[in-house]
C-alpha atoms as a PDB file:
ATOM      1  CA  MET A   1      77.256  87.874 106.006  1.00  0.00           C
ATOM      2  CA  LYS A   2      80.437  88.965 104.240  1.00  0.00           C
ATOM      3  CA  LYS A   3      80.174  89.278 100.490  1.00  0.00           C
ATOM      4  CA  GLU A   4      82.672  88.073  97.924  1.00  0.00           C
ATOM      5  CA  ARG A   5      83.766  90.343  95.068  1.00  0.00           C
ATOM      6  CA  ILE A   6      83.411  89.027  91.535  1.00  0.00           C
ATOM      7  CA  ASP A   7      85.029  90.500  88.430  1.00  0.00           C
ATOM      8  CA  ILE A   8      83.727  89.513  84.988  1.00  0.00           C
ATOM      9  CA  GLU A   9      84.891  90.739  81.578  1.00  0.00           C
ATOM     10  CA  TYR A  10      82.605  90.555  78.552  1.00  0.00           C
ATOM     11  CA  PRO A  11      83.863  91.218  75.003  1.00  0.00           C
ATOM     12  CA  LEU A  12      81.890  93.729  72.919  1.00  0.00           C
ATOM     13  CA  SER A  13      81.631  94.067  69.166  1.00  0.00           C
ATOM     14  CA  SER A  14      81.494  97.883  69.212  1.00  0.00           C
ATOM     15  CA  ARG A  15      84.550 100.083  68.904  1.00  0.00           C
ATOM     16  CA  GLN A  16      82.699 103.219  70.061  1.00  0.00           C
ATOM     17  CA  THR A  17      82.716 103.881  73.784  1.00  0.00           C
ATOM     18  CA  ASP A  18      79.935 106.482  73.534  1.00  0.00           C
ATOM     19  CA  ILE A  19      77.446 103.850  72.315  1.00  0.00           C
ATOM     20  CA  VAL A  20      78.350 101.498  75.173  1.00  0.00           C
ATOM     21  CA  TRP A  21      78.280 104.411  77.613  1.00  0.00           C
ATOM     22  CA  ARG A  22      74.691 105.308  76.736  1.00  0.00           C
ATOM     23  CA  LEU A  23      73.636 101.674  77.276  1.00  0.00           C
ATOM     24  CA  ILE A  24      75.181 101.415  80.756  1.00  0.00           C
ATOM     25  CA  SER A  25      74.675 104.924  82.158  1.00  0.00           C
ATOM     26  CA  THR A  26      71.205 106.114  81.162  1.00  0.00           C
ATOM     27  CA  ASP A  27      67.804 104.919  82.272  1.00  0.00           C
ATOM     28  CA  HIS A  28      66.777 104.488  78.628  1.00  0.00           C
ATOM     29  CA  GLY A  29      69.912 102.442  77.837  1.00  0.00           C
ATOM     30  CA  LEU A  30      69.648 100.255  80.934  1.00  0.00           C
ATOM     31  CA  GLY A  31      65.949  99.715  80.227  1.00  0.00           C
ATOM     32  CA  ARG A  32      66.866  98.098  76.910  1.00  0.00           C
ATOM     33  CA  TRP A  33      68.722  95.198  78.545  1.00  0.00           C
ATOM     34  CA  LEU A  34      69.100  95.231  82.321  1.00  0.00           C
ATOM     35  CA  ALA A  35      65.514  95.538  83.560  1.00  0.00           C
ATOM     36  CA  ASP A  36      62.008  95.839  82.161  1.00  0.00           C
ATOM     37  CA  GLU A  37      61.689  99.433  83.345  1.00  0.00           C
ATOM     38  CA  VAL A  38      64.401 101.829  84.556  1.00  0.00           C
ATOM     39  CA  ASN A  39      63.894 105.351  85.909  1.00  0.00           C
ATOM     40  CA  GLU A  40      66.447 107.834  87.242  1.00  0.00           C
ATOM     41  CA  ASP A  41      65.585 110.569  89.707  1.00  0.00           C
ATOM     42  CA  ASN A  42      68.321 112.737  91.257  1.00  0.00           C
ATOM     43  CA  GLY A  43      71.028 110.070  91.178  1.00  0.00           C
ATOM     44  CA  VAL A  44      68.762 107.216  92.267  1.00  0.00           C
ATOM     45  CA  ILE A  45      67.888 104.612  89.648  1.00  0.00           C
ATOM     46  CA  SER A  46      64.876 102.334  90.109  1.00  0.00           C
ATOM     47  CA  PHE A  47      64.997  98.977  88.325  1.00  0.00           C
ATOM     48  CA  THR A  48      61.748  97.066  87.804  1.00  0.00           C
ATOM     49  CA  TRP A  49      61.593  93.481  86.602  1.00  0.00           C
ATOM     50  CA  GLY A  50      58.164  92.327  85.433  1.00  0.00           C
ATOM     51  CA  GLN A  51      55.276  94.582  84.513  1.00  0.00           C
ATOM     52  CA  PRO A  52      54.436  97.423  86.959  1.00  0.00           C
ATOM     53  CA  TRP A  53      50.694  96.635  86.731  1.00  0.00           C
ATOM     54  CA  ALA A  54      51.261  92.902  87.367  1.00  0.00           C
ATOM     55  CA  ASP A  55      53.706  90.732  89.298  1.00  0.00           C
ATOM     56  CA  HIS A  56      56.966  92.694  89.546  1.00  0.00           C
ATOM     57  CA  HIS A  57      60.021  93.426  91.683  1.00  0.00           C
ATOM     58  CA  THR A  58      61.639  96.854  92.070  1.00  0.00           C
ATOM     59  CA  LEU A  59      65.038  97.722  93.531  1.00  0.00           C
ATOM     60  CA  SER A  60      66.672 101.136  93.759  1.00  0.00           C
ATOM     61  CA  ALA A  61      70.360 101.972  93.555  1.00  0.00           C
ATOM     62  CA  ASN A  62      72.287 105.149  94.234  1.00  0.00           C
ATOM     63  CA  ILE A  63      74.765 106.264  91.613  1.00  0.00           C
ATOM     64  CA  VAL A  64      77.951 106.462  93.662  1.00  0.00           C
ATOM     65  CA  GLU A  65      80.344 107.407  90.886  1.00  0.00           C
ATOM     66  CA  ARG A  66      79.993 108.193  87.188  1.00  0.00           C
ATOM     67  CA  GLU A  67      82.788 109.066  84.768  1.00  0.00           C
ATOM     68  CA  LYS A  68      81.638 109.589  81.191  1.00  0.00           C
ATOM     69  CA  ASN A  69      82.774 106.906  78.716  1.00  0.00           C
ATOM     70  CA  SER A  70      84.596 105.111  81.536  1.00  0.00           C
ATOM     71  CA  HIS A  71      82.485 103.627  84.336  1.00  0.00           C
ATOM     72  CA  ILE A  72      79.414 103.869  86.505  1.00  0.00           C
ATOM     73  CA  ARG A  73      79.193 102.562  90.062  1.00  0.00           C
ATOM     74  CA  PHE A  74      76.002 101.820  91.976  1.00  0.00           C
ATOM     75  CA  ARG A  75      75.115 100.825  95.525  1.00  0.00           C
ATOM     76  CA  TRP A  76      71.759  99.230  96.232  1.00  0.00           C
ATOM     77  CA  VAL A  77      69.700 101.403  98.580  1.00  0.00           C
ATOM     78  CA  GLU A  78      68.960  98.358 100.781  1.00  0.00           C
ATOM     79  CA  GLU A  79      72.645  97.263 100.882  1.00  0.00           C
ATOM     80  CA  ASP A  80      73.936  96.873 104.435  1.00  0.00           C
ATOM     81  CA  ASP A  81      77.593  96.231 103.516  1.00  0.00           C
ATOM     82  CA  PRO A  82      79.278  99.630 102.972  1.00  0.00           C
ATOM     83  CA  GLN A  83      82.031  97.989 100.910  1.00  0.00           C
ATOM     84  CA  ALA A  84      79.628  96.292  98.468  1.00  0.00           C
ATOM     85  CA  PHE A  85      78.791  98.017  95.190  1.00  0.00           C
ATOM     86  CA  TRP A  86      78.306  97.053  91.568  1.00  0.00           C
ATOM     87  CA  GLU A  87      80.071  98.675  88.709  1.00  0.00           C
ATOM     88  CA  MET A  88      80.186  98.530  84.933  1.00  0.00           C
ATOM     89  CA  ARG A  89      83.416  99.735  83.351  1.00  0.00           C
ATOM     90  CA  ILE A  90      84.262 100.145  79.694  1.00  0.00           C
ATOM     91  CA  GLY A  91      87.706  98.713  79.070  1.00  0.00           C
ATOM     92  CA  ARG A  92      89.920  97.160  76.454  1.00  0.00           C
ATOM     93  CA  SER A  93      90.878  93.524  76.330  1.00  0.00           C
ATOM     94  CA  GLU A  94      94.561  93.075  77.070  1.00  0.00           C
ATOM     95  CA  LEU A  95      94.702  90.242  74.523  1.00  0.00           C
ATOM     96  CA  THR A  96      92.789  91.695  71.568  1.00  0.00           C
ATOM     97  CA  GLY A  97      92.554  95.441  72.224  1.00  0.00           C
ATOM     98  CA  ASP A  98      88.788  95.251  71.586  1.00  0.00           C
ATOM     99  CA  LEU A  99      86.264  96.984  73.827  1.00  0.00           C
ATOM    100  CA  CYS A 100      84.918  94.994  76.728  1.00  0.00           C
ATOM    101  CA  LEU A 101      82.491  95.572  79.560  1.00  0.00           C
ATOM    102  CA  CYS A 102      84.018  94.839  82.941  1.00  0.00           C
ATOM    103  CA  VAL A 103      81.516  94.110  85.702  1.00  0.00           C
ATOM    104  CA  ILE A 104      82.317  94.209  89.401  1.00  0.00           C
ATOM    105  CA  ASP A 105      79.676  92.928  91.792  1.00  0.00           C
ATOM    106  CA  TYR A 106      79.380  91.373  95.246  1.00  0.00           C
ATOM    107  CA  ALA A 107      77.460  88.347  96.511  1.00  0.00           C
ATOM    108  CA  PRO A 108      77.474  86.021  99.501  1.00  0.00           C
ATOM    109  CA  GLU A 109      79.792  83.074  98.842  1.00  0.00           C
ATOM    110  CA  ASP A 110      76.896  80.665  98.279  1.00  0.00           C
ATOM    111  CA  GLU A 111      75.317  82.982  95.658  1.00  0.00           C
ATOM    112  CA  VAL A 112      78.379  83.801  93.512  1.00  0.00           C
ATOM    113  CA  ASP A 113      77.528  81.273  90.780  1.00  0.00           C
ATOM    114  CA  ASP A 114      73.942  82.566  90.595  1.00  0.00           C
ATOM    115  CA  LEU A 115      75.175  86.150  90.280  1.00  0.00           C
ATOM    116  CA  ARG A 116      77.596  85.217  87.494  1.00  0.00           C
ATOM    117  CA  SER A 117      74.746  83.454  85.696  1.00  0.00           C
ATOM    118  CA  LEU A 118      72.539  86.529  86.106  1.00  0.00           C
ATOM    119  CA  TRP A 119      75.217  88.757  84.558  1.00  0.00           C
ATOM    120  CA  ASP A 120      75.689  86.240  81.718  1.00  0.00           C
ATOM    121  CA  ASP A 121      71.934  86.460  81.023  1.00  0.00           C
ATOM    122  CA  ASN A 122      72.043  90.268  81.188  1.00  0.00           C
ATOM    123  CA  MET A 123      74.893  90.368  78.691  1.00  0.00           C
ATOM    124  CA  GLU A 124      73.043  88.037  76.351  1.00  0.00           C
ATOM    125  CA  ARG A 125      70.109  90.505  76.407  1.00  0.00           C
ATOM    126  CA  LEU A 126      72.556  93.377  75.758  1.00  0.00           C
ATOM    127  CA  HIS A 127      73.941  91.554  72.733  1.00  0.00           C
ATOM    128  CA  MET A 128      70.457  90.708  71.432  1.00  0.00           C
ATOM    129  CA  THR A 129      68.994  94.205  71.842  1.00  0.00           C
ATOM    130  CA  SER A 130      71.977  96.259  70.722  1.00  0.00           C
ATOM    131  CA  GLY A 131      74.183  93.988  68.642  1.00  0.00           C
ATOM    132  CA  LEU A 132      77.194  94.733  70.848  1.00  0.00           C
END
């Protein structure tokens, strides 16, 4: 099934790209807001939701591209669409000039709203845990 690309921009309260960069590009940073446990091993990041000793779900993603203080791009290991990836990019709002986090992701057409909602929830956790 062909996947639809979604682009979402979230405003951030930080003016320092290095702080945002650490939260989106390191296993420790991602573990603070994106998943319950995150581990990186040779360019492969494993994301675990739930507790490892109890009911949990783990997915792994390859880091496809990483440019410090700019963006990081992942592709799920199980992804069968070679064009589908997910990316987090640090940008500036064209309207305000403030920092923002731009997310690119892909989902089947009937799952786009669910994916947007998932990213909204992730960003709420980012704001709560880091104050961004």
